[in-house]
Amino acid sequence: GVITAASAQASDADVNYKLLQTDIVGSPAAGGVLFNLYGQFIGIITHNYPAPGMENLITAYGISDLKKRMEKLSNDQAFVYFGIIGTSVSLSVHEELSVPYGTYVKDVLLDSPAMRAGIQKGDVITRIDEFDVNSFSDFLTELYKRNPDEKLRVTVLRQAQNGYKEMYMDVTLSERKQK
């Protein structure tokens, strides 16, 4: 089979996974992995995100987005939990809507460290401690360096009447329970 699209993403708490959509027909109950023509492992099959009308075509999580999580699992390390669904602010959104670069908070999960600290849907995270956050990837890179119970000073920009207002939130990370 052929990978027909690699631009879709699946979002979950503190992570976005690239979805690899294929033209391979499979059972909706089947599982497994995807390999390329060189025998390299490139994805884990999922049935959580079928393309509309194409429920029998195989979709997989791209392995590059799973590597850090797999490494932590294999080393019996805890995952930190911040508790947002986020995305990067694109160039077009930045230019057309004047949204600052950073991690745009699409949603805040109930009773998460982010919610307890006061972070809200629509905030833009621009710093974690002394590290600049210019994208969701920057946010995740910094977050994955941290440990549960660690305290972070997070700089957010919140939309106000005359633009964005800079605010500081103290977030105490917790441990993410694996499903």
N, C-alpha and C. Protein backbone atom coordinates (compact mmCIF):
# COMPACT_ATOMS: atom_id res chain seq x y z
N GLY A 1 0.81 -1.19 0.00
CA GLY A 1 0.00 0.00 0.00
C GLY A 1 0.85 1.25 0.00
N VAL A 2 0.18 2.38 -0.07
CA VAL A 2 0.82 3.69 -0.15
C VAL A 2 0.25 4.59 0.93
N ILE A 3 1.11 5.43 1.51
CA ILE A 3 0.63 6.47 2.41
C ILE A 3 0.04 7.57 1.54
N THR A 4 -1.24 7.86 1.76
CA THR A 4 -1.93 8.82 0.91
C THR A 4 -1.98 10.22 1.52
N ALA A 5 -1.80 10.31 2.84
CA ALA A 5 -1.79 11.62 3.50
C ALA A 5 -1.03 11.51 4.81
N ALA A 6 -0.31 12.57 5.14
CA ALA A 6 0.44 12.61 6.40
C ALA A 6 0.29 13.97 7.06
N SER A 7 -0.77 14.68 6.74
CA SER A 7 -0.94 16.03 7.27
C SER A 7 -1.94 16.10 8.42
N ALA A 8 -2.74 15.06 8.59
CA ALA A 8 -3.73 15.07 9.68
C ALA A 8 -3.04 14.84 11.02
N GLN A 9 -3.66 15.37 12.08
CA GLN A 9 -3.13 15.18 13.42
C GLN A 9 -4.23 14.74 14.36
N ALA A 10 -3.83 13.98 15.36
CA ALA A 10 -4.72 13.60 16.46
C ALA A 10 -4.19 14.28 17.70
N SER A 11 -5.06 14.94 18.44
CA SER A 11 -4.65 15.66 19.64
C SER A 11 -5.12 14.95 20.88
N ASP A 12 -4.29 14.98 21.89
CA ASP A 12 -4.61 14.46 23.21
C ASP A 12 -3.91 15.37 24.21
N ALA A 13 -4.07 15.10 25.46
CA ALA A 13 -3.46 15.95 26.49
C ALA A 13 -1.95 16.02 26.29
N ASP A 14 -1.45 17.23 26.09
CA ASP A 14 -0.02 17.51 26.01
C ASP A 14 0.70 16.80 24.86
N VAL A 15 -0.01 16.49 23.79
CA VAL A 15 0.64 15.82 22.66
C VAL A 15 -0.23 15.95 21.40
N ASN A 16 0.43 16.00 20.26
CA ASN A 16 -0.22 15.87 18.96
C ASN A 16 0.50 14.76 18.22
N TYR A 17 -0.25 13.87 17.61
CA TYR A 17 0.33 12.78 16.84
C TYR A 17 0.04 13.00 15.37
N LYS A 18 1.05 12.82 14.53
CA LYS A 18 0.83 12.85 13.08
C LYS A 18 0.15 11.54 12.70
N LEU A 19 -0.89 11.65 11.88
CA LEU A 19 -1.58 10.46 11.40
C LEU A 19 -1.13 10.16 9.97
N LEU A 20 -0.82 8.90 9.74
CA LEU A 20 -0.45 8.43 8.41
C LEU A 20 -1.65 7.69 7.84
N GLN A 21 -2.26 8.25 6.81
CA GLN A 21 -3.41 7.62 6.18
C GLN A 21 -2.93 6.86 4.96
N THR A 22 -3.48 5.65 4.77
CA THR A 22 -3.01 4.79 3.68
C THR A 22 -4.17 4.39 2.76
N ASP A 23 -3.81 3.71 1.69
CA ASP A 23 -4.83 3.13 0.80
C ASP A 23 -4.96 1.63 1.06
N ILE A 24 -4.45 1.17 2.21
CA ILE A 24 -4.46 -0.25 2.57
C ILE A 24 -5.80 -0.58 3.23
N VAL A 25 -6.49 -1.57 2.70
CA VAL A 25 -7.75 -2.01 3.27
C VAL A 25 -7.46 -3.02 4.37
N GLY A 26 -8.10 -2.81 5.51
CA GLY A 26 -7.92 -3.71 6.64
C GLY A 26 -9.18 -3.82 7.45
N SER A 27 -9.18 -4.73 8.36
CA SER A 27 -10.32 -4.93 9.25
C SER A 27 -10.35 -3.83 10.30
N PRO A 28 -11.53 -3.30 10.63
CA PRO A 28 -11.63 -2.29 11.68
C PRO A 28 -11.21 -2.83 13.05
N ALA A 29 -11.07 -4.15 13.19
CA ALA A 29 -10.67 -4.73 14.46
C ALA A 29 -9.19 -5.12 14.48
N ALA A 30 -8.50 -4.98 13.35
CA ALA A 30 -7.11 -5.40 13.26
C ALA A 30 -6.18 -4.36 13.87
N GLY A 31 -5.02 -4.79 14.28
CA GLY A 31 -3.99 -3.89 14.80
C GLY A 31 -2.68 -4.22 14.13
N GLY A 32 -1.63 -3.56 14.57
CA GLY A 32 -0.32 -3.86 14.02
C GLY A 32 0.50 -2.61 13.79
N VAL A 33 1.50 -2.76 12.95
CA VAL A 33 2.43 -1.67 12.68
C VAL A 33 2.59 -1.50 11.17
N LEU A 34 3.08 -0.34 10.78
CA LEU A 34 3.40 -0.06 9.37
C LEU A 34 4.91 -0.05 9.20
N PHE A 35 5.36 -0.63 8.11
CA PHE A 35 6.77 -0.61 7.73
C PHE A 35 6.87 0.02 6.35
N ASN A 36 8.00 0.67 6.07
CA ASN A 36 8.22 1.19 4.72
C ASN A 36 8.91 0.11 3.88
N LEU A 37 9.25 0.43 2.64
CA LEU A 37 9.86 -0.55 1.73
C LEU A 37 11.25 -0.98 2.17
N TYR A 38 11.87 -0.23 3.08
CA TYR A 38 13.20 -0.57 3.58
C TYR A 38 13.14 -1.36 4.89
N GLY A 39 11.92 -1.73 5.30
CA GLY A 39 11.76 -2.50 6.53
C GLY A 39 11.81 -1.66 7.79
N GLN A 40 11.73 -0.34 7.64
CA GLN A 40 11.77 0.54 8.80
C GLN A 40 10.36 0.70 9.38
N PHE A 41 10.28 0.63 10.67
CA PHE A 41 9.04 0.77 11.42
C PHE A 41 8.63 2.25 11.37
N ILE A 42 7.46 2.57 10.79
CA ILE A 42 7.08 3.97 10.64
C ILE A 42 5.78 4.36 11.34
N GLY A 43 5.00 3.39 11.82
CA GLY A 43 3.75 3.77 12.46
C GLY A 43 3.07 2.62 13.18
N ILE A 44 2.19 2.98 14.11
CA ILE A 44 1.36 2.02 14.84
C ILE A 44 -0.08 2.24 14.41
N ILE A 45 -0.72 1.18 13.96
CA ILE A 45 -2.08 1.27 13.43
C ILE A 45 -3.07 1.66 14.53
N THR A 46 -3.97 2.56 14.19
CA THR A 46 -5.04 2.99 15.09
C THR A 46 -6.36 2.97 14.33
N HIS A 47 -7.43 2.75 15.08
CA HIS A 47 -8.77 2.82 14.48
C HIS A 47 -9.57 3.95 15.10
N ASN A 48 -8.89 4.81 15.84
CA ASN A 48 -9.56 5.92 16.53
C ASN A 48 -9.86 7.09 15.61
N TYR A 49 -9.20 7.19 14.46
CA TYR A 49 -9.34 8.37 13.60
C TYR A 49 -9.53 7.98 12.13
N PRO A 50 -10.57 7.23 11.81
CA PRO A 50 -10.76 6.88 10.40
C PRO A 50 -11.18 8.09 9.59
N ALA A 51 -10.73 8.13 8.35
CA ALA A 51 -11.18 9.19 7.45
C ALA A 51 -12.66 8.95 7.14
N PRO A 52 -13.48 10.00 7.10
CA PRO A 52 -14.92 9.81 6.83
C PRO A 52 -15.16 9.03 5.55
N GLY A 53 -15.98 7.98 5.67
CA GLY A 53 -16.30 7.15 4.52
C GLY A 53 -15.23 6.14 4.17
N MET A 54 -14.13 6.12 4.92
CA MET A 54 -13.03 5.20 4.62
C MET A 54 -12.63 4.41 5.86
N GLU A 55 -13.62 3.91 6.58
CA GLU A 55 -13.39 3.24 7.84
C GLU A 55 -12.54 1.97 7.71
N ASN A 56 -12.50 1.36 6.53
CA ASN A 56 -11.71 0.13 6.34
C ASN A 56 -10.29 0.40 5.87
N LEU A 57 -9.93 1.67 5.66
CA LEU A 57 -8.56 1.98 5.26
C LEU A 57 -7.72 2.19 6.52
N ILE A 58 -6.49 1.72 6.48
CA ILE A 58 -5.58 1.75 7.63
C ILE A 58 -5.05 3.16 7.87
N THR A 59 -5.12 3.58 9.12
CA THR A 59 -4.52 4.83 9.59
C THR A 59 -3.57 4.47 10.73
N ALA A 60 -2.44 5.17 10.82
CA ALA A 60 -1.46 4.86 11.86
C ALA A 60 -0.92 6.15 12.47
N TYR A 61 -0.52 6.04 13.73
CA TYR A 61 0.23 7.12 14.39
C TYR A 61 1.65 7.06 13.86
N GLY A 62 2.20 8.20 13.44
CA GLY A 62 3.59 8.25 12.98
C GLY A 62 4.54 7.96 14.13
N ILE A 63 5.54 7.13 13.91
CA ILE A 63 6.44 6.70 14.98
C ILE A 63 7.29 7.85 15.53
N SER A 64 7.60 8.83 14.71
CA SER A 64 8.45 9.92 15.19
C SER A 64 7.81 10.65 16.37
N ASP A 65 6.48 10.73 16.41
CA ASP A 65 5.79 11.39 17.51
C ASP A 65 5.65 10.50 18.74
N LEU A 66 5.88 9.21 18.58
CA LEU A 66 5.73 8.27 19.68
C LEU A 66 7.05 7.90 20.35
N LYS A 67 8.18 8.21 19.72
CA LYS A 67 9.48 7.76 20.21
C LYS A 67 9.75 8.16 21.66
N LYS A 68 9.52 9.42 22.01
CA LYS A 68 9.82 9.87 23.37
C LYS A 68 8.95 9.14 24.39
N ARG A 69 7.70 8.89 24.04
CA ARG A 69 6.81 8.19 24.95
C ARG A 69 7.22 6.73 25.09
N MET A 70 7.62 6.11 23.98
CA MET A 70 8.05 4.72 24.03
C MET A 70 9.33 4.57 24.86
N GLU A 71 10.23 5.54 24.73
CA GLU A 71 11.47 5.51 25.51
C GLU A 71 11.17 5.61 27.00
N LYS A 72 10.27 6.50 27.38
CA LYS A 72 9.90 6.62 28.78
C LYS A 72 9.24 5.34 29.30
N LEU A 73 8.36 4.75 28.49
CA LEU A 73 7.72 3.50 28.90
C LEU A 73 8.74 2.39 29.11
N SER A 74 9.68 2.27 28.16
CA SER A 74 10.66 1.19 28.25
C SER A 74 11.63 1.40 29.42
N ASN A 75 11.80 2.63 29.85
CA ASN A 75 12.68 2.93 30.99
C ASN A 75 11.90 3.09 32.30
N ASP A 76 10.61 2.76 32.27
CA ASP A 76 9.74 2.83 33.45
C ASP A 76 9.76 4.22 34.09
N GLN A 77 9.75 5.26 33.24
CA GLN A 77 9.73 6.64 33.72
C GLN A 77 8.32 7.19 33.66
N ALA A 78 8.04 8.12 34.57
CA ALA A 78 6.72 8.74 34.63
C ALA A 78 6.57 9.79 33.52
N PHE A 79 5.34 9.94 33.03
CA PHE A 79 5.01 11.00 32.08
C PHE A 79 4.49 12.19 32.87
N VAL A 80 4.96 13.38 32.52
CA VAL A 80 4.43 14.57 33.17
C VAL A 80 3.09 14.92 32.55
N TYR A 81 2.28 15.59 33.33
CA TYR A 81 0.94 15.98 32.89
C TYR A 81 0.76 17.46 33.17
N PHE A 82 0.51 18.22 32.09
CA PHE A 82 0.24 19.65 32.15
C PHE A 82 -1.27 19.87 31.98
N GLY A 83 -1.85 19.22 30.96
CA GLY A 83 -3.29 19.22 30.81
C GLY A 83 -3.90 20.17 29.80
N ILE A 84 -3.23 20.34 28.66
CA ILE A 84 -3.83 21.16 27.60
C ILE A 84 -3.88 20.39 26.29
N ILE A 85 -4.79 20.81 25.44
CA ILE A 85 -4.78 20.43 24.02
C ILE A 85 -4.25 21.67 23.33
N GLY A 86 -3.13 21.54 22.64
CA GLY A 86 -2.50 22.73 22.07
C GLY A 86 -2.11 22.56 20.62
N THR A 87 -1.71 23.67 20.03
CA THR A 87 -1.23 23.69 18.65
C THR A 87 -0.29 24.88 18.49
N SER A 88 0.49 24.85 17.44
CA SER A 88 1.36 25.98 17.12
C SER A 88 0.55 27.07 16.45
N VAL A 89 0.96 28.30 16.65
CA VAL A 89 0.36 29.44 15.94
C VAL A 89 1.05 29.52 14.59
N SER A 90 0.29 29.34 13.52
CA SER A 90 0.87 29.35 12.17
C SER A 90 1.18 30.78 11.73
N LEU A 91 1.99 30.90 10.70
CA LEU A 91 2.35 32.19 10.13
C LEU A 91 1.10 32.93 9.67
N SER A 92 0.19 32.22 8.99
CA SER A 92 -1.02 32.89 8.48
C SER A 92 -1.91 33.38 9.62
N VAL A 93 -2.07 32.59 10.68
CA VAL A 93 -2.88 33.03 11.83
C VAL A 93 -2.20 34.20 12.52
N HIS A 94 -0.88 34.14 12.64
CA HIS A 94 -0.12 35.24 13.24
C HIS A 94 -0.32 36.54 12.46
N GLU A 95 -0.22 36.46 11.14
CA GLU A 95 -0.33 37.66 10.32
C GLU A 95 -1.77 38.15 10.18
N GLU A 96 -2.72 37.24 9.95
CA GLU A 96 -4.11 37.65 9.69
C GLU A 96 -4.87 38.04 10.96
N LEU A 97 -4.60 37.34 12.06
CA LEU A 97 -5.37 37.57 13.28
C LEU A 97 -4.56 38.21 14.41
N SER A 98 -3.28 38.47 14.13
CA SER A 98 -2.37 39.07 15.11
C SER A 98 -2.24 38.23 16.39
N VAL A 99 -2.32 36.91 16.24
CA VAL A 99 -2.10 36.02 17.38
C VAL A 99 -0.59 35.86 17.53
N PRO A 100 -0.06 36.06 18.74
CA PRO A 100 1.39 35.93 18.94
C PRO A 100 1.86 34.49 18.73
N TYR A 101 3.12 34.33 18.33
CA TYR A 101 3.69 32.99 18.20
C TYR A 101 3.79 32.35 19.57
N GLY A 102 3.62 31.04 19.60
CA GLY A 102 3.71 30.26 20.83
C GLY A 102 2.83 29.04 20.72
N THR A 103 2.42 28.51 21.86
CA THR A 103 1.49 27.39 21.91
C THR A 103 0.11 27.92 22.18
N TYR A 104 -0.78 27.77 21.21
CA TYR A 104 -2.16 28.21 21.37
C TYR A 104 -2.91 27.12 22.13
N VAL A 105 -3.58 27.49 23.21
CA VAL A 105 -4.31 26.54 24.04
C VAL A 105 -5.70 26.37 23.45
N LYS A 106 -5.93 25.22 22.80
CA LYS A 106 -7.23 24.91 22.20
C LYS A 106 -8.24 24.47 23.26
N ASP A 107 -7.74 23.83 24.31
CA ASP A 107 -8.61 23.38 25.39
C ASP A 107 -7.77 23.11 26.63
N VAL A 108 -8.39 23.24 27.78
CA VAL A 108 -7.76 22.94 29.07
C VAL A 108 -8.57 21.81 29.69
N LEU A 109 -7.89 20.76 30.08
CA LEU A 109 -8.58 19.59 30.61
C LEU A 109 -8.99 19.81 32.07
N LEU A 110 -10.15 19.29 32.38
CA LEU A 110 -10.74 19.44 33.70
C LEU A 110 -9.81 18.90 34.79
N ASP A 111 -9.64 19.69 35.84
CA ASP A 111 -8.85 19.33 37.01
C ASP A 111 -7.39 19.01 36.67
N SER A 112 -6.86 19.62 35.63
CA SER A 112 -5.46 19.43 35.25
C SER A 112 -4.60 20.47 35.95
N PRO A 113 -3.28 20.28 35.97
CA PRO A 113 -2.38 21.31 36.53
C PRO A 113 -2.57 22.67 35.84
N ALA A 114 -2.78 22.66 34.53
CA ALA A 114 -2.98 23.91 33.80
C ALA A 114 -4.25 24.62 34.28
N MET A 115 -5.33 23.86 34.44
CA MET A 115 -6.59 24.46 34.90
C MET A 115 -6.45 25.01 36.32
N ARG A 116 -5.81 24.26 37.20
CA ARG A 116 -5.63 24.73 38.58
C ARG A 116 -4.78 26.00 38.65
N ALA A 117 -3.88 26.18 37.67
CA ALA A 117 -3.02 27.37 37.65
C ALA A 117 -3.72 28.58 37.03
N GLY A 118 -4.86 28.36 36.35
CA GLY A 118 -5.59 29.48 35.76
C GLY A 118 -5.43 29.63 34.27
N ILE A 119 -4.76 28.71 33.61
CA ILE A 119 -4.61 28.77 32.15
C ILE A 119 -5.98 28.49 31.52
N GLN A 120 -6.30 29.26 30.47
CA GLN A 120 -7.61 29.17 29.85
C GLN A 120 -7.50 28.89 28.35
N LYS A 121 -8.59 28.35 27.82
CA LYS A 121 -8.72 28.16 26.37
C LYS A 121 -8.53 29.52 25.70
N GLY A 122 -7.71 29.57 24.66
CA GLY A 122 -7.43 30.83 23.95
C GLY A 122 -6.15 31.51 24.39
N ASP A 123 -5.56 31.09 25.52
CA ASP A 123 -4.27 31.63 25.95
C ASP A 123 -3.19 31.19 24.97
N VAL A 124 -2.10 31.96 24.91
CA VAL A 124 -0.94 31.58 24.11
C VAL A 124 0.25 31.49 25.07
N ILE A 125 0.82 30.30 25.18
CA ILE A 125 1.98 30.09 26.06
C ILE A 125 3.22 30.50 25.29
N THR A 126 4.00 31.43 25.89
CA THR A 126 5.18 31.95 25.20
C THR A 126 6.50 31.63 25.92
N ARG A 127 6.41 31.21 27.19
CA ARG A 127 7.63 30.86 27.95
C ARG A 127 7.31 29.81 29.01
N ILE A 128 8.28 28.95 29.25
CA ILE A 128 8.28 28.06 30.41
C ILE A 128 9.58 28.35 31.13
N ASP A 129 9.47 28.88 32.33
CA ASP A 129 10.64 29.36 33.07
C ASP A 129 11.40 30.33 32.17
N GLU A 130 12.68 30.07 31.89
CA GLU A 130 13.45 31.00 31.06
C GLU A 130 13.52 30.58 29.59
N PHE A 131 12.75 29.57 29.20
CA PHE A 131 12.80 29.05 27.84
C PHE A 131 11.66 29.61 26.99
N ASP A 132 12.01 30.19 25.83
CA ASP A 132 11.00 30.70 24.92
C ASP A 132 10.24 29.56 24.26
N VAL A 133 8.94 29.75 24.10
CA VAL A 133 8.08 28.78 23.45
C VAL A 133 7.50 29.46 22.21
N ASN A 134 7.99 29.06 21.03
CA ASN A 134 7.53 29.64 19.78
C ASN A 134 6.59 28.73 19.01
N SER A 135 6.41 27.49 19.50
CA SER A 135 5.57 26.51 18.82
C SER A 135 5.14 25.45 19.83
N PHE A 136 4.20 24.60 19.42
CA PHE A 136 3.79 23.50 20.30
C PHE A 136 4.93 22.51 20.47
N SER A 137 5.74 22.35 19.44
CA SER A 137 6.91 21.48 19.54
C SER A 137 7.87 21.98 20.61
N ASP A 138 8.13 23.30 20.66
CA ASP A 138 8.97 23.88 21.71
C ASP A 138 8.39 23.59 23.09
N PHE A 139 7.07 23.75 23.22
CA PHE A 139 6.39 23.49 24.48
C PHE A 139 6.61 22.04 24.91
N LEU A 140 6.39 21.10 24.00
CA LEU A 140 6.53 19.68 24.33
C LEU A 140 7.98 19.32 24.65
N THR A 141 8.93 19.86 23.90
CA THR A 141 10.34 19.59 24.17
C THR A 141 10.69 19.99 25.59
N GLU A 142 10.24 21.15 26.00
CA GLU A 142 10.54 21.62 27.36
C GLU A 142 9.76 20.82 28.40
N LEU A 143 8.51 20.52 28.11
CA LEU A 143 7.68 19.77 29.06
C LEU A 143 8.26 18.38 29.31
N TYR A 144 8.73 17.70 28.25
CA TYR A 144 9.24 16.33 28.40
C TYR A 144 10.55 16.27 29.17
N LYS A 145 11.21 17.40 29.38
CA LYS A 145 12.43 17.44 30.20
C LYS A 145 12.10 17.45 31.69
N ARG A 146 10.85 17.68 32.01
CA ARG A 146 10.43 17.90 33.39
C ARG A 146 9.95 16.61 34.05
N ASN A 147 9.70 16.71 35.36
CA ASN A 147 9.25 15.59 36.16
C ASN A 147 7.96 15.93 36.89
N PRO A 148 7.17 14.90 37.24
CA PRO A 148 5.98 15.16 38.05
C PRO A 148 6.35 15.89 39.34
N ASP A 149 5.45 16.74 39.80
CA ASP A 149 5.60 17.56 41.02
C ASP A 149 6.57 18.74 40.85
N GLU A 150 7.13 18.90 39.66
CA GLU A 150 8.01 20.05 39.41
C GLU A 150 7.15 21.29 39.19
N LYS A 151 7.62 22.42 39.68
CA LYS A 151 6.91 23.69 39.53
C LYS A 151 7.50 24.47 38.36
N LEU A 152 6.61 25.02 37.53
CA LEU A 152 7.01 25.81 36.37
C LEU A 152 6.43 27.21 36.47
N ARG A 153 7.16 28.18 35.97
CA ARG A 153 6.64 29.53 35.80
C ARG A 153 6.32 29.67 34.32
N VAL A 154 5.03 29.78 33.99
CA VAL A 154 4.57 29.80 32.60
C VAL A 154 4.09 31.21 32.26
N THR A 155 4.60 31.74 31.17
CA THR A 155 4.16 33.04 30.68
C THR A 155 3.11 32.80 29.61
N VAL A 156 1.94 33.42 29.79
CA VAL A 156 0.87 33.31 28.79
C VAL A 156 0.46 34.70 28.34
N LEU A 157 -0.01 34.76 27.13
CA LEU A 157 -0.62 35.98 26.61
C LEU A 157 -2.11 35.69 26.49
N ARG A 158 -2.90 36.54 27.09
CA ARG A 158 -4.36 36.38 27.07
C ARG A 158 -4.97 37.56 26.34
N GLN A 159 -5.89 37.26 25.44
CA GLN A 159 -6.53 38.32 24.68
C GLN A 159 -7.33 39.23 25.60
N ALA A 160 -7.09 40.53 25.47
CA ALA A 160 -7.79 41.54 26.24
C ALA A 160 -8.39 42.54 25.26
N GLN A 161 -9.01 43.56 25.79
CA GLN A 161 -9.69 44.55 24.95
C GLN A 161 -8.76 45.22 23.95
N ASN A 162 -7.54 45.51 24.34
CA ASN A 162 -6.60 46.22 23.47
C ASN A 162 -5.41 45.35 23.09
N GLY A 163 -5.65 44.13 22.69
CA GLY A 163 -4.56 43.23 22.31
C GLY A 163 -4.37 42.12 23.33
N TYR A 164 -3.14 41.68 23.48
CA TYR A 164 -2.84 40.60 24.40
C TYR A 164 -2.17 41.13 25.66
N LYS A 165 -2.55 40.56 26.80
CA LYS A 165 -1.99 40.94 28.09
C LYS A 165 -1.11 39.80 28.58
N GLU A 166 0.12 40.11 29.00
CA GLU A 166 1.04 39.10 29.50
C GLU A 166 0.70 38.76 30.95
N MET A 167 0.66 37.45 31.24
CA MET A 167 0.34 36.98 32.58
C MET A 167 1.32 35.86 32.94
N TYR A 168 1.50 35.66 34.23
CA TYR A 168 2.40 34.62 34.72
C TYR A 168 1.61 33.64 35.57
N MET A 169 1.80 32.35 35.29
CA MET A 169 1.10 31.30 36.01
C MET A 169 2.12 30.34 36.61
N ASP A 170 1.91 29.93 37.85
CA ASP A 170 2.75 28.91 38.47
C ASP A 170 2.01 27.58 38.35
N VAL A 171 2.62 26.65 37.64
CA VAL A 171 2.01 25.35 37.37
C VAL A 171 2.83 24.27 38.06
N THR A 172 2.17 23.42 38.83
CA THR A 172 2.82 22.25 39.43
C THR A 172 2.39 21.03 38.62
N LEU A 173 3.35 20.44 37.92
CA LEU A 173 3.06 19.29 37.07
C LEU A 173 2.64 18.09 37.92
N SER A 174 1.88 17.21 37.31
CA SER A 174 1.55 15.95 37.98
C SER A 174 1.96 14.81 37.06
N GLU A 175 1.67 13.60 37.47
CA GLU A 175 2.00 12.44 36.66
C GLU A 175 0.80 12.04 35.83
N ARG A 176 1.06 11.79 34.55
CA ARG A 176 -0.02 11.35 33.67
C ARG A 176 -0.19 9.86 33.78
N LYS A 177 -1.39 9.44 34.04
CA LYS A 177 -1.71 8.01 34.11
C LYS A 177 -1.90 7.51 32.69
N GLN A 178 -1.24 6.43 32.35
CA GLN A 178 -1.34 5.87 31.00
C GLN A 178 -2.59 5.04 30.84
N LYS A 179 -3.20 5.16 29.67
CA LYS A 179 -4.43 4.42 29.36
C LYS A 179 -4.09 3.02 28.92
